[in-house]
N, C-alpha and C. Protein backbone atom coordinates (compact mmCIF):
# COMPACT_ATOMS: atom_id res chain seq x y z
N MET A 1 77.45 139.84 83.96
CA MET A 1 76.80 138.51 83.88
C MET A 1 77.37 137.63 84.99
N ASN A 2 76.51 137.12 85.85
CA ASN A 2 77.01 136.25 86.92
C ASN A 2 77.09 134.80 86.43
N LEU A 3 77.56 133.93 87.30
CA LEU A 3 77.80 132.53 86.93
C LEU A 3 76.53 131.85 86.41
N TRP A 4 75.40 132.01 87.14
CA TRP A 4 74.18 131.32 86.75
C TRP A 4 73.66 131.80 85.40
N GLN A 5 73.76 133.10 85.14
CA GLN A 5 73.34 133.62 83.85
C GLN A 5 74.20 133.02 82.74
N GLY A 6 75.50 132.90 83.01
CA GLY A 6 76.42 132.31 82.05
C GLY A 6 76.08 130.86 81.75
N ILE A 7 75.81 130.09 82.82
CA ILE A 7 75.46 128.68 82.65
C ILE A 7 74.15 128.54 81.87
N LEU A 8 73.16 129.37 82.24
CA LEU A 8 71.86 129.31 81.57
C LEU A 8 72.02 129.65 80.09
N TRP A 9 72.75 130.71 79.79
CA TRP A 9 72.97 131.14 78.41
C TRP A 9 73.66 130.04 77.62
N PHE A 10 74.70 129.45 78.23
CA PHE A 10 75.45 128.38 77.56
C PHE A 10 74.56 127.18 77.28
N THR A 11 73.70 126.83 78.26
CA THR A 11 72.79 125.69 78.10
C THR A 11 71.80 125.93 76.99
N VAL A 12 71.19 127.12 76.97
CA VAL A 12 70.22 127.46 75.93
C VAL A 12 70.88 127.43 74.57
N LYS A 13 72.08 128.01 74.48
CA LYS A 13 72.82 128.04 73.21
C LYS A 13 73.15 126.61 72.77
N GLY A 14 73.57 125.77 73.71
CA GLY A 14 73.91 124.39 73.40
C GLY A 14 72.70 123.62 72.88
N LEU A 15 71.56 123.78 73.57
CA LEU A 15 70.34 123.09 73.15
C LEU A 15 69.91 123.56 71.76
N PHE A 16 70.05 124.87 71.51
CA PHE A 16 69.68 125.42 70.21
C PHE A 16 70.55 124.81 69.10
N LEU A 17 71.86 124.74 69.36
CA LEU A 17 72.77 124.17 68.36
C LEU A 17 72.46 122.69 68.11
N VAL A 18 72.14 121.96 69.18
CA VAL A 18 71.79 120.54 69.03
C VAL A 18 70.52 120.40 68.20
N ALA A 19 69.53 121.26 68.48
CA ALA A 19 68.27 121.20 67.73
C ALA A 19 68.49 121.50 66.26
N VAL A 20 69.32 122.51 65.97
CA VAL A 20 69.61 122.87 64.58
C VAL A 20 70.34 121.73 63.87
N ALA A 21 71.33 121.15 64.54
CA ALA A 21 72.08 120.04 63.95
C ALA A 21 71.16 118.84 63.69
N TYR A 22 70.28 118.53 64.66
CA TYR A 22 69.35 117.41 64.52
C TYR A 22 68.40 117.63 63.34
N ALA A 23 67.87 118.85 63.25
CA ALA A 23 66.96 119.17 62.15
C ALA A 23 67.70 119.08 60.82
N GLY A 24 68.93 119.55 60.78
CA GLY A 24 69.72 119.49 59.55
C GLY A 24 69.97 118.06 59.10
N ILE A 25 70.30 117.19 60.05
CA ILE A 25 70.55 115.79 59.73
C ILE A 25 69.27 115.13 59.21
N LYS A 26 68.15 115.38 59.92
CA LYS A 26 66.86 114.80 59.50
C LYS A 26 66.50 115.27 58.09
N LEU A 27 66.70 116.56 57.84
CA LEU A 27 66.37 117.12 56.52
C LEU A 27 67.27 116.50 55.46
N GLY A 28 68.56 116.35 55.76
CA GLY A 28 69.49 115.76 54.82
C GLY A 28 69.11 114.32 54.47
N ILE A 29 68.75 113.53 55.48
CA ILE A 29 68.34 112.14 55.24
C ILE A 29 67.08 112.11 54.39
N TYR A 30 66.12 112.99 54.71
CA TYR A 30 64.85 113.03 53.96
C TYR A 30 65.09 113.39 52.50
N LEU A 31 65.91 114.42 52.27
CA LEU A 31 66.17 114.85 50.90
C LEU A 31 66.92 113.78 50.12
N ARG A 32 67.89 113.12 50.76
CA ARG A 32 68.64 112.07 50.07
C ARG A 32 67.71 110.92 49.72
N LYS A 33 66.81 110.56 50.65
CA LYS A 33 65.87 109.47 50.41
C LYS A 33 64.95 109.82 49.23
N ARG A 34 64.45 111.05 49.21
CA ARG A 34 63.58 111.49 48.13
C ARG A 34 64.33 111.47 46.80
N HIS A 35 65.59 111.92 46.83
CA HIS A 35 66.41 111.94 45.61
C HIS A 35 66.62 110.52 45.10
N ASN A 36 66.90 109.58 46.01
CA ASN A 36 67.09 108.19 45.61
C ASN A 36 65.81 107.60 45.04
N ASP A 37 64.67 107.96 45.63
CA ASP A 37 63.38 107.46 45.12
C ASP A 37 63.16 107.96 43.69
N LYS A 38 63.49 109.23 43.44
CA LYS A 38 63.34 109.78 42.10
C LYS A 38 64.25 109.05 41.11
N LEU A 39 65.50 108.79 41.53
CA LEU A 39 66.42 108.07 40.66
C LEU A 39 65.90 106.67 40.36
N ALA A 40 65.38 105.99 41.37
CA ALA A 40 64.85 104.64 41.19
C ALA A 40 63.68 104.66 40.22
N LYS A 41 62.79 105.64 40.36
CA LYS A 41 61.63 105.72 39.47
C LYS A 41 62.07 105.97 38.04
N SER A 42 63.03 106.86 37.83
CA SER A 42 63.47 107.15 36.46
C SER A 42 64.16 105.92 35.86
N GLU A 43 64.90 105.17 36.68
CA GLU A 43 65.54 103.95 36.19
C GLU A 43 64.48 102.91 35.79
N ASP A 44 63.44 102.80 36.58
CA ASP A 44 62.35 101.86 36.26
C ASP A 44 61.72 102.24 34.92
N ASN A 45 61.49 103.52 34.71
CA ASN A 45 60.89 103.97 33.46
C ASN A 45 61.81 103.67 32.27
N ASN A 46 63.12 103.83 32.47
CA ASN A 46 64.06 103.56 31.38
C ASN A 46 64.11 102.07 31.05
N ASN A 47 64.01 101.23 32.08
CA ASN A 47 64.07 99.79 31.86
C ASN A 47 62.80 99.26 31.21
N ALA A 48 61.69 99.89 31.48
CA ALA A 48 60.40 99.38 30.99
C ALA A 48 60.26 99.55 29.48
């Protein structure tokens, strides 16, 4: 493996890891928001 192949491989791997981390964070925020909405709805039903 020469230098350019190494740099290219490292860049692709880095971008892939960034994409996975970004997707994971987005999914985590979405799931937490949905969970909070469910909790809020159940609390509203209990109060009513």
